[in-house]
N, C-alpha and C. Protein backbone atom coordinates (compact mmCIF):
# COMPACT_ATOMS: atom_id res chain seq x y z
N MET A 1 87.64 66.10 86.66
CA MET A 1 88.94 66.63 86.27
C MET A 1 89.89 66.57 87.46
N ASN A 2 91.00 65.91 87.29
CA ASN A 2 91.99 65.80 88.36
C ASN A 2 92.89 67.03 88.36
N GLN A 3 93.06 67.57 89.56
CA GLN A 3 93.96 68.70 89.72
C GLN A 3 95.02 68.33 90.74
N GLU A 4 96.26 68.58 90.37
CA GLU A 4 97.35 68.34 91.28
C GLU A 4 97.61 69.63 92.06
N ILE A 5 97.39 69.57 93.38
CA ILE A 5 97.56 70.73 94.24
C ILE A 5 98.82 70.55 95.07
N LEU A 6 99.63 71.60 95.11
CA LEU A 6 100.86 71.59 95.88
C LEU A 6 100.94 72.89 96.67
N ILE A 7 101.26 72.78 97.94
CA ILE A 7 101.55 73.96 98.75
C ILE A 7 103.01 73.85 99.16
N ARG A 8 103.77 74.89 98.82
CA ARG A 8 105.22 74.86 99.03
C ARG A 8 105.71 76.23 99.47
N ASN A 9 106.96 76.31 99.88
CA ASN A 9 107.57 77.58 100.24
C ASN A 9 107.87 78.41 98.98
N ILE A 10 107.85 79.71 99.14
CA ILE A 10 108.12 80.63 98.04
C ILE A 10 109.56 80.46 97.54
N LEU A 11 109.73 80.67 96.22
CA LEU A 11 111.03 80.64 95.57
C LEU A 11 111.27 81.98 94.87
N PRO A 12 112.53 82.34 94.60
CA PRO A 12 112.79 83.62 93.93
C PRO A 12 112.03 83.78 92.61
N ALA A 13 111.88 82.71 91.87
CA ALA A 13 111.21 82.78 90.57
C ALA A 13 109.71 83.05 90.68
N ASP A 14 109.15 83.02 91.88
CA ASP A 14 107.71 83.23 92.08
C ASP A 14 107.31 84.70 92.13
N ASN A 15 108.26 85.60 92.31
CA ASN A 15 107.95 87.01 92.56
C ASN A 15 107.00 87.64 91.54
N ILE A 16 107.28 87.51 90.26
CA ILE A 16 106.48 88.18 89.24
C ILE A 16 105.06 87.62 89.19
N ALA A 17 104.94 86.30 89.15
CA ALA A 17 103.61 85.68 89.06
C ALA A 17 102.78 85.97 90.31
N LEU A 18 103.41 85.94 91.46
CA LEU A 18 102.67 86.18 92.70
C LEU A 18 102.21 87.63 92.81
N ALA A 19 103.05 88.57 92.43
CA ALA A 19 102.64 89.98 92.44
C ALA A 19 101.45 90.20 91.52
N LYS A 20 101.44 89.51 90.39
CA LYS A 20 100.30 89.61 89.46
C LYS A 20 99.04 89.04 90.08
N VAL A 21 99.13 87.89 90.73
CA VAL A 21 97.96 87.30 91.40
C VAL A 21 97.40 88.28 92.42
N ILE A 22 98.26 88.86 93.22
CA ILE A 22 97.81 89.79 94.27
C ILE A 22 97.14 91.01 93.65
N ARG A 23 97.78 91.64 92.70
CA ARG A 23 97.23 92.87 92.12
C ARG A 23 95.96 92.59 91.30
N ASP A 24 95.93 91.48 90.58
CA ASP A 24 94.73 91.13 89.82
C ASP A 24 93.55 90.86 90.75
N THR A 25 93.81 90.18 91.85
CA THR A 25 92.74 89.88 92.80
C THR A 25 92.24 91.16 93.45
N MET A 26 93.14 92.03 93.83
CA MET A 26 92.72 93.30 94.45
C MET A 26 91.90 94.13 93.47
N THR A 27 92.29 94.12 92.19
CA THR A 27 91.53 94.84 91.17
C THR A 27 90.14 94.20 91.01
N GLU A 28 90.09 92.89 90.97
CA GLU A 28 88.81 92.17 90.84
C GLU A 28 87.82 92.58 91.92
N PHE A 29 88.30 92.75 93.15
CA PHE A 29 87.42 93.08 94.26
C PHE A 29 87.31 94.59 94.51
N GLY A 30 87.93 95.40 93.66
CA GLY A 30 87.83 96.84 93.78
C GLY A 30 88.58 97.43 94.95
N VAL A 31 89.62 96.76 95.40
CA VAL A 31 90.41 97.26 96.53
C VAL A 31 91.84 97.62 96.11
N ASN A 32 92.00 97.90 94.85
CA ASN A 32 93.31 98.29 94.29
C ASN A 32 93.51 99.78 94.52
N ARG A 33 93.78 100.11 95.78
CA ARG A 33 93.91 101.52 96.15
C ARG A 33 95.19 101.77 96.94
N PRO A 34 95.53 103.04 97.09
CA PRO A 34 96.76 103.39 97.82
C PRO A 34 96.71 102.91 99.27
N ASN A 35 97.90 102.79 99.83
CA ASN A 35 98.09 102.40 101.23
C ASN A 35 97.60 100.99 101.54
N THR A 36 97.69 100.14 100.53
CA THR A 36 97.40 98.71 100.68
C THR A 36 98.57 97.95 100.06
N VAL A 37 98.48 96.64 100.10
CA VAL A 37 99.52 95.81 99.49
C VAL A 37 99.59 96.07 97.97
N PHE A 38 98.51 96.61 97.39
CA PHE A 38 98.48 96.88 95.95
C PHE A 38 99.65 97.77 95.52
N ASP A 39 99.91 98.82 96.30
CA ASP A 39 100.99 99.73 95.91
C ASP A 39 102.22 99.62 96.80
N ASP A 40 102.26 98.58 97.63
CA ASP A 40 103.41 98.35 98.49
C ASP A 40 104.56 97.82 97.62
N PRO A 41 105.73 98.47 97.63
CA PRO A 41 106.84 98.01 96.78
C PRO A 41 107.32 96.60 97.12
N THR A 42 107.08 96.12 98.33
CA THR A 42 107.53 94.76 98.67
C THR A 42 106.73 93.70 97.93
N THR A 43 105.57 94.05 97.37
CA THR A 43 104.75 93.08 96.64
C THR A 43 105.50 92.51 95.45
N ASP A 44 106.42 93.27 94.90
CA ASP A 44 107.21 92.79 93.76
C ASP A 44 108.44 91.99 94.17
N HIS A 45 108.67 91.89 95.46
CA HIS A 45 109.88 91.23 95.98
C HIS A 45 109.54 90.35 97.19
N LEU A 46 108.51 89.53 97.04
CA LEU A 46 108.04 88.77 98.20
C LEU A 46 109.03 87.70 98.66
N TYR A 47 109.74 87.09 97.73
CA TYR A 47 110.73 86.10 98.16
C TYR A 47 111.73 86.75 99.10
N GLU A 48 112.23 87.91 98.72
CA GLU A 48 113.21 88.61 99.54
C GLU A 48 112.61 89.03 100.89
N LEU A 49 111.38 89.53 100.86
CA LEU A 49 110.71 89.95 102.09
C LEU A 49 110.58 88.78 103.07
N PHE A 50 110.24 87.62 102.55
CA PHE A 50 110.00 86.47 103.41
C PHE A 50 111.26 85.69 103.77
N GLN A 51 112.42 86.33 103.59
CA GLN A 51 113.66 85.81 104.16
C GLN A 51 113.84 86.37 105.57
N THR A 52 112.95 87.26 105.97
CA THR A 52 112.97 87.84 107.31
C THR A 52 112.78 86.74 108.34
N GLU A 53 113.54 86.80 109.42
CA GLU A 53 113.44 85.82 110.49
C GLU A 53 112.01 85.72 111.01
N ARG A 54 111.57 84.50 111.29
CA ARG A 54 110.24 84.18 111.81
C ARG A 54 109.12 84.55 110.84
N SER A 55 109.41 84.44 109.54
CA SER A 55 108.38 84.64 108.53
C SER A 55 108.39 83.44 107.59
N ILE A 56 107.27 83.28 106.88
CA ILE A 56 107.17 82.21 105.89
C ILE A 56 106.10 82.61 104.88
N TYR A 57 106.29 82.20 103.63
CA TYR A 57 105.24 82.39 102.62
C TYR A 57 105.01 81.08 101.90
N ASN A 58 103.74 80.68 101.85
CA ASN A 58 103.32 79.44 101.21
C ASN A 58 102.71 79.74 99.85
N ILE A 59 103.23 79.11 98.83
CA ILE A 59 102.70 79.21 97.47
C ILE A 59 101.74 78.04 97.25
N ALA A 60 100.59 78.34 96.65
CA ALA A 60 99.66 77.29 96.24
C ALA A 60 99.77 77.13 94.73
N GLU A 61 100.01 75.91 94.28
CA GLU A 61 100.09 75.62 92.85
C GLU A 61 98.98 74.64 92.49
N ILE A 62 98.40 74.85 91.32
CA ILE A 62 97.46 73.89 90.75
C ILE A 62 98.03 73.49 89.40
N ASN A 63 98.29 72.20 89.25
CA ASN A 63 98.86 71.66 88.02
C ASN A 63 100.10 72.44 87.58
N GLY A 64 100.94 72.78 88.57
CA GLY A 64 102.22 73.43 88.29
C GLY A 64 102.15 74.93 88.08
N GLU A 65 100.96 75.52 88.16
CA GLU A 65 100.81 76.96 87.98
C GLU A 65 100.50 77.63 89.32
N ILE A 66 101.09 78.79 89.57
CA ILE A 66 100.82 79.51 90.81
C ILE A 66 99.37 79.97 90.83
N ALA A 67 98.67 79.57 91.90
CA ALA A 67 97.26 79.92 92.06
C ALA A 67 97.05 80.91 93.19
N GLY A 68 98.10 81.18 93.96
CA GLY A 68 98.00 82.13 95.07
C GLY A 68 98.94 81.76 96.18
N GLY A 69 98.59 82.25 97.38
CA GLY A 69 99.42 81.96 98.53
C GLY A 69 98.98 82.72 99.76
N ALA A 70 99.73 82.50 100.83
CA ALA A 70 99.48 83.17 102.11
C ALA A 70 100.75 83.08 102.94
N GLY A 71 101.00 84.12 103.74
CA GLY A 71 102.21 84.15 104.54
C GLY A 71 101.99 84.61 105.96
N LEU A 72 103.05 84.45 106.73
CA LEU A 72 103.10 84.94 108.11
C LEU A 72 104.29 85.87 108.21
N PHE A 73 104.08 87.01 108.89
CA PHE A 73 105.16 88.00 108.96
C PHE A 73 105.16 88.69 110.31
N PRO A 74 106.37 88.94 110.86
CA PRO A 74 106.48 89.66 112.13
C PRO A 74 106.40 91.18 111.90
N THR A 75 105.21 91.66 111.62
CA THR A 75 104.98 93.05 111.28
C THR A 75 105.49 93.98 112.39
N LYS A 76 106.10 95.09 111.99
CA LYS A 76 106.61 96.07 112.95
C LYS A 76 105.50 96.52 113.89
N GLY A 77 105.86 96.63 115.15
CA GLY A 77 104.92 97.14 116.14
C GLY A 77 104.02 96.11 116.77
N LEU A 78 104.00 94.90 116.22
CA LEU A 78 103.19 93.86 116.85
C LEU A 78 103.94 93.30 118.05
N PRO A 79 103.22 92.79 119.05
CA PRO A 79 103.89 92.13 120.17
C PRO A 79 104.76 90.97 119.67
N GLU A 80 105.79 90.64 120.40
CA GLU A 80 106.73 89.57 120.04
C GLU A 80 106.02 88.24 119.77
N ASP A 81 104.90 88.00 120.45
CA ASP A 81 104.20 86.72 120.32
C ASP A 81 103.11 86.74 119.25
N THR A 82 103.10 87.79 118.40
CA THR A 82 102.04 87.94 117.40
C THR A 82 102.64 88.15 116.02
N CYS A 83 102.15 87.40 115.05
CA CYS A 83 102.54 87.59 113.66
C CYS A 83 101.29 88.02 112.88
N GLU A 84 101.53 88.45 111.66
CA GLU A 84 100.41 88.85 110.80
C GLU A 84 100.25 87.83 109.67
N LEU A 85 99.01 87.43 109.42
CA LEU A 85 98.67 86.62 108.24
C LEU A 85 98.59 87.61 107.09
N VAL A 86 99.45 87.47 106.10
CA VAL A 86 99.58 88.47 105.05
C VAL A 86 99.47 87.88 103.65
N LYS A 87 99.06 88.74 102.75
CA LYS A 87 99.07 88.47 101.32
C LYS A 87 98.43 87.12 100.99
N MET A 88 97.21 86.94 101.51
CA MET A 88 96.44 85.73 101.22
C MET A 88 95.53 86.01 100.03
N TYR A 89 95.90 85.48 98.89
CA TYR A 89 95.15 85.72 97.66
C TYR A 89 95.12 84.44 96.84
N LEU A 90 94.00 84.23 96.12
CA LEU A 90 93.86 83.10 95.20
C LEU A 90 93.23 83.59 93.90
N ILE A 91 93.66 83.02 92.80
CA ILE A 91 93.05 83.33 91.52
C ILE A 91 91.62 82.78 91.52
N PRO A 92 90.74 83.32 90.67
CA PRO A 92 89.34 82.86 90.68
C PRO A 92 89.17 81.35 90.53
N GLY A 93 89.93 80.71 89.67
CA GLY A 93 89.79 79.27 89.45
C GLY A 93 90.25 78.41 90.61
N ALA A 94 90.88 79.02 91.61
CA ALA A 94 91.38 78.27 92.76
C ALA A 94 90.47 78.42 93.98
N ARG A 95 89.37 79.13 93.80
CA ARG A 95 88.47 79.38 94.92
C ARG A 95 87.31 78.39 94.93
N GLY A 96 86.81 78.14 96.13
CA GLY A 96 85.58 77.36 96.26
C GLY A 96 85.75 75.87 96.49
N PHE A 97 86.98 75.39 96.57
CA PHE A 97 87.14 73.96 96.84
C PHE A 97 88.12 73.68 97.98
N GLY A 98 88.30 74.68 98.88
CA GLY A 98 89.06 74.44 100.10
C GLY A 98 90.53 74.78 100.08
N LEU A 99 91.02 75.34 98.99
CA LEU A 99 92.45 75.66 98.93
C LEU A 99 92.79 76.78 99.92
N GLY A 100 91.94 77.78 100.03
CA GLY A 100 92.16 78.85 101.00
C GLY A 100 92.21 78.31 102.42
N ARG A 101 91.32 77.39 102.72
CA ARG A 101 91.30 76.74 104.03
C ARG A 101 92.61 76.00 104.29
N LYS A 102 93.12 75.30 103.27
CA LYS A 102 94.39 74.58 103.43
C LYS A 102 95.54 75.55 103.70
N LEU A 103 95.53 76.69 103.02
CA LEU A 103 96.58 77.68 103.24
C LEU A 103 96.53 78.22 104.67
N ILE A 104 95.32 78.52 105.14
CA ILE A 104 95.19 79.02 106.51
C ILE A 104 95.62 77.96 107.51
N GLU A 105 95.19 76.72 107.30
CA GLU A 105 95.60 75.63 108.20
C GLU A 105 97.11 75.52 108.27
N ARG A 106 97.75 75.59 107.11
CA ARG A 106 99.22 75.50 107.10
C ARG A 106 99.84 76.69 107.83
N CYS A 107 99.28 77.88 107.65
CA CYS A 107 99.79 79.06 108.35
C CYS A 107 99.62 78.91 109.86
N VAL A 108 98.49 78.39 110.30
CA VAL A 108 98.27 78.19 111.74
C VAL A 108 99.31 77.22 112.30
N GLU A 109 99.56 76.13 111.57
CA GLU A 109 100.58 75.17 112.01
C GLU A 109 101.95 75.85 112.11
N LYS A 110 102.31 76.61 111.09
CA LYS A 110 103.62 77.27 111.07
C LYS A 110 103.73 78.34 112.15
N THR A 111 102.60 78.97 112.48
CA THR A 111 102.61 79.99 113.53
C THR A 111 103.14 79.38 114.82
N LYS A 112 102.65 78.21 115.16
CA LYS A 112 103.09 77.53 116.37
C LYS A 112 104.57 77.17 116.29
N GLU A 113 104.99 76.66 115.12
CA GLU A 113 106.40 76.28 114.94
C GLU A 113 107.33 77.48 115.06
N LEU A 114 106.87 78.65 114.62
CA LEU A 114 107.68 79.86 114.68
C LEU A 114 107.63 80.54 116.04
N GLY A 115 106.86 79.98 116.97
CA GLY A 115 106.84 80.48 118.33
C GLY A 115 105.86 81.60 118.62
N TYR A 116 104.89 81.80 117.75
CA TYR A 116 103.89 82.84 117.98
C TYR A 116 102.69 82.26 118.74
N LYS A 117 101.96 83.14 119.42
CA LYS A 117 100.75 82.73 120.14
C LYS A 117 99.50 83.38 119.58
N ASN A 118 99.68 84.35 118.69
CA ASN A 118 98.55 85.07 118.10
C ASN A 118 98.81 85.34 116.63
N ILE A 119 97.71 85.37 115.85
CA ILE A 119 97.80 85.74 114.44
C ILE A 119 96.87 86.93 114.21
N TYR A 120 97.40 87.97 113.61
CA TYR A 120 96.70 89.21 113.33
C TYR A 120 96.41 89.31 111.84
N ILE A 121 95.29 89.92 111.48
CA ILE A 121 94.92 90.14 110.08
C ILE A 121 94.44 91.57 109.90
N GLU A 122 94.84 92.18 108.79
CA GLU A 122 94.25 93.44 108.34
C GLU A 122 93.52 93.16 107.03
N SER A 123 92.29 93.65 106.90
CA SER A 123 91.52 93.35 105.70
C SER A 123 90.57 94.50 105.37
N MET A 124 89.64 94.22 104.45
CA MET A 124 88.69 95.21 103.98
C MET A 124 87.32 94.58 103.81
N PRO A 125 86.24 95.34 103.98
CA PRO A 125 84.89 94.78 103.88
C PRO A 125 84.60 94.12 102.53
N GLU A 126 85.23 94.59 101.47
CA GLU A 126 84.99 94.04 100.14
C GLU A 126 85.43 92.58 100.01
N LEU A 127 86.24 92.12 100.94
CA LEU A 127 86.75 90.74 100.89
C LEU A 127 85.92 89.84 101.82
N GLY A 128 84.60 89.94 101.69
CA GLY A 128 83.66 89.27 102.59
C GLY A 128 83.82 87.77 102.72
N LYS A 129 84.06 87.08 101.61
CA LYS A 129 84.22 85.62 101.69
C LYS A 129 85.42 85.25 102.53
N ALA A 130 86.52 85.96 102.34
CA ALA A 130 87.72 85.70 103.15
C ALA A 130 87.43 85.99 104.61
N LEU A 131 86.74 87.08 104.88
CA LEU A 131 86.40 87.42 106.27
C LEU A 131 85.58 86.32 106.93
N ASN A 132 84.65 85.74 106.18
CA ASN A 132 83.84 84.63 106.71
C ASN A 132 84.71 83.43 107.05
N ILE A 133 85.67 83.14 106.19
CA ILE A 133 86.57 82.02 106.46
C ILE A 133 87.41 82.30 107.71
N TYR A 134 87.89 83.53 107.84
CA TYR A 134 88.70 83.87 109.01
C TYR A 134 87.89 83.68 110.30
N THR A 135 86.63 84.09 110.29
CA THR A 135 85.82 83.93 111.51
C THR A 135 85.61 82.45 111.82
N LYS A 136 85.47 81.62 110.79
CA LYS A 136 85.32 80.17 111.01
C LYS A 136 86.57 79.57 111.64
N PHE A 137 87.72 80.19 111.41
CA PHE A 137 88.98 79.75 112.00
C PHE A 137 89.22 80.33 113.39
N GLY A 138 88.26 81.12 113.87
CA GLY A 138 88.38 81.66 115.22
C GLY A 138 88.98 83.05 115.32
N PHE A 139 89.13 83.73 114.20
CA PHE A 139 89.59 85.11 114.25
C PHE A 139 88.44 85.98 114.75
N GLU A 140 88.78 86.93 115.62
CA GLU A 140 87.78 87.85 116.17
C GLU A 140 88.13 89.27 115.76
N TYR A 141 87.07 90.05 115.51
CA TYR A 141 87.28 91.44 115.11
C TYR A 141 87.84 92.28 116.25
N LEU A 142 88.71 93.21 115.89
CA LEU A 142 89.28 94.17 116.82
C LEU A 142 88.69 95.55 116.53
N LYS A 143 88.80 96.45 117.48
CA LYS A 143 88.28 97.80 117.30
C LYS A 143 89.22 98.70 116.50
N GLY A 144 90.48 98.31 116.42
CA GLY A 144 91.45 99.12 115.70
C GLY A 144 92.66 98.30 115.33
N PRO A 145 93.60 98.90 114.60
CA PRO A 145 94.77 98.18 114.13
C PRO A 145 95.79 97.92 115.24
N MET A 146 96.60 96.91 115.01
CA MET A 146 97.76 96.61 115.85
C MET A 146 98.98 96.79 114.96
N GLY A 147 100.08 97.11 115.54
CA GLY A 147 101.32 97.17 114.77
C GLY A 147 101.37 98.33 113.81
N ASN A 148 102.32 98.24 112.88
CA ASN A 148 102.56 99.32 111.93
C ASN A 148 102.88 98.72 110.57
N SER A 149 101.85 98.18 109.91
CA SER A 149 102.06 97.54 108.61
C SER A 149 102.27 98.56 107.49
N GLY A 150 101.81 99.79 107.72
CA GLY A 150 101.87 100.79 106.66
C GLY A 150 100.69 100.72 105.72
N HIS A 151 99.78 99.78 105.95
CA HIS A 151 98.61 99.60 105.08
C HIS A 151 97.39 100.26 105.72
N CYS A 152 97.42 101.58 105.81
CA CYS A 152 96.31 102.28 106.46
C CYS A 152 95.05 102.29 105.60
N GLY A 153 95.10 101.69 104.40
CA GLY A 153 93.92 101.55 103.56
C GLY A 153 93.02 100.41 104.02
N CYS A 154 93.46 99.63 104.98
CA CYS A 154 92.65 98.54 105.52
C CYS A 154 91.80 99.09 106.66
N SER A 155 90.55 98.62 106.74
CA SER A 155 89.64 99.15 107.75
C SER A 155 89.08 98.10 108.69
N LEU A 156 89.52 96.85 108.54
CA LEU A 156 89.09 95.77 109.43
C LEU A 156 90.32 95.06 109.96
N TRP A 157 90.26 94.70 111.24
CA TRP A 157 91.38 94.05 111.91
C TRP A 157 90.85 92.88 112.70
N MET A 158 91.59 91.78 112.70
CA MET A 158 91.16 90.56 113.38
C MET A 158 92.35 89.93 114.10
N LEU A 159 92.04 89.12 115.10
CA LEU A 159 93.08 88.44 115.87
C LEU A 159 92.61 87.04 116.23
N LYS A 160 93.51 86.07 116.12
CA LYS A 160 93.26 84.70 116.56
C LYS A 160 94.30 84.38 117.62
N ARG A 161 93.82 83.95 118.77
CA ARG A 161 94.70 83.50 119.84
C ARG A 161 94.81 81.99 119.74
N LEU A 162 96.05 81.50 119.77
CA LEU A 162 96.24 80.04 119.61
C LEU A 162 96.22 79.35 120.96
């Protein structure tokens, strides 16, 4: 079965579908709890959020349908040379054939273009497969959080130095 895969920048029309992907995925993994992206009001307005300077959000499409995405954001409180890899989610049918890896690769490339030297991640133990992929990309665990994302429901923190 041929699948047409496209990775592109977020558009205003993506907000509703992308918020659904994020919340459905969080529910699937049992991490749909307070103080996470699940109840963050910006989840419904990601296009607008990613108009922030030195940020980008990549949408992954399969056969013209939104399958997920991943972004980079200059989270408050992070050092000037560090961005956060944020809102990396894929629908179940988009997992297992390297699309997540492609999104991370694109984010790493964009990190350099945006002038960052480090990428930070906040996550949860329930997202084990994603955590394994992050470690394969050279992310290392930290003892505590950096910055002030407002997502105190996350209990794992990672950093990749470029």
